[in-house]
Amino acid sequence: MDAHPAIIVDGKKFFWDGCSYDRAEDASCAAASYRADNFEVHVVAEGGKSLVYTRRVVQHTGVAASQ
């Protein structure tokens, strides 16, 4: 299996988490963990494995510039 490091879904770029899960249940657990950390998640079944792709929009933190 040759996983792509990034995919585009609905015009949004998702990055592979680097793991190929043998069981769909394991991928679902990983996806739930990412969602709990405010990531958008897309799970792909490929070659008998499940791949988890994630993305998160960076929120402005409001840190002031030092002078």
Protein backbone atom coordinates (compact mmCIF):
# COMPACT_ATOMS: atom_id res chain seq x y z
CA MET A 1 0.00 0.00 0.00
CA ASP A 2 1.28 3.42 -0.97
CA ALA A 3 -0.44 6.02 1.25
CA HIS A 4 -0.54 9.61 0.08
CA PRO A 5 0.81 12.12 2.62
CA ALA A 6 -2.12 14.45 1.92
CA ILE A 7 -5.50 14.31 0.20
CA ILE A 8 -8.10 16.89 -0.84
CA VAL A 9 -11.69 16.26 0.30
CA ASP A 10 -14.41 18.78 -0.56
CA GLY A 11 -11.72 21.36 -1.33
CA LYS A 12 -10.01 20.88 2.05
CA LYS A 13 -6.51 19.47 2.51
CA PHE A 14 -6.14 16.61 5.01
CA PHE A 15 -2.82 15.13 6.17
CA TRP A 16 -2.19 11.44 6.87
CA ASP A 17 -1.40 10.65 10.51
CA GLY A 18 1.33 8.20 9.42
CA CYS A 19 -0.36 5.02 10.65
CA SER A 20 -2.04 2.29 8.65
CA TYR A 21 -4.61 0.53 10.81
CA ASP A 22 -5.28 -3.18 10.28
CA ARG A 23 -8.69 -2.93 11.92
CA ALA A 24 -11.36 -0.35 11.07
CA GLU A 25 -12.20 -0.19 14.79
CA ASP A 26 -8.66 1.01 15.57
CA ALA A 27 -8.95 3.72 12.91
CA SER A 28 -12.31 4.77 14.37
CA CYS A 29 -10.76 5.08 17.84
CA ALA A 30 -7.91 7.19 16.46
CA ALA A 31 -10.40 9.35 14.54
CA ALA A 32 -12.47 9.88 17.71
CA SER A 33 -9.35 10.95 19.58
CA TYR A 34 -8.47 13.49 16.88
CA ARG A 35 -12.05 14.81 16.85
CA ALA A 36 -11.87 15.29 20.62
CA ASP A 37 -8.83 17.52 19.97
CA ASN A 38 -10.86 19.62 17.49
CA PHE A 39 -9.48 18.09 14.28
CA GLU A 40 -11.59 17.42 11.21
CA VAL A 41 -11.09 13.76 10.27
CA HIS A 42 -11.45 11.69 7.11
CA VAL A 43 -10.94 7.89 7.22
CA VAL A 44 -10.00 6.05 4.01
CA ALA A 45 -10.08 2.28 3.45
CA GLU A 46 -7.26 1.31 1.11
CA GLY A 47 -5.65 -2.06 0.40
CA GLY A 48 -7.31 -3.78 3.35
CA LYS A 49 -6.07 -1.10 5.76
CA SER A 50 -7.65 2.07 7.13
CA LEU A 51 -5.87 5.40 6.92
CA VAL A 52 -6.74 8.44 9.03
CA TYR A 53 -6.35 11.92 7.56
CA THR A 54 -6.79 15.04 9.68
CA ARG A 55 -6.89 18.80 9.43
CA ARG A 56 -7.35 21.66 11.84
CA VAL A 57 -7.78 25.33 11.11
CA VAL A 58 -5.41 27.44 13.16
CA GLN A 59 -7.25 29.87 15.37
CA HIS A 60 -5.79 33.31 16.02
CA THR A 61 -4.46 33.35 19.59
CA GLY A 62 -4.30 37.10 20.00
CA VAL A 63 -0.66 37.17 21.10
CA ALA A 64 0.68 40.71 21.04
CA ALA A 65 3.91 41.46 19.21
CA SER A 66 6.82 42.42 21.44
CA GLN A 67 8.39 45.81 20.97
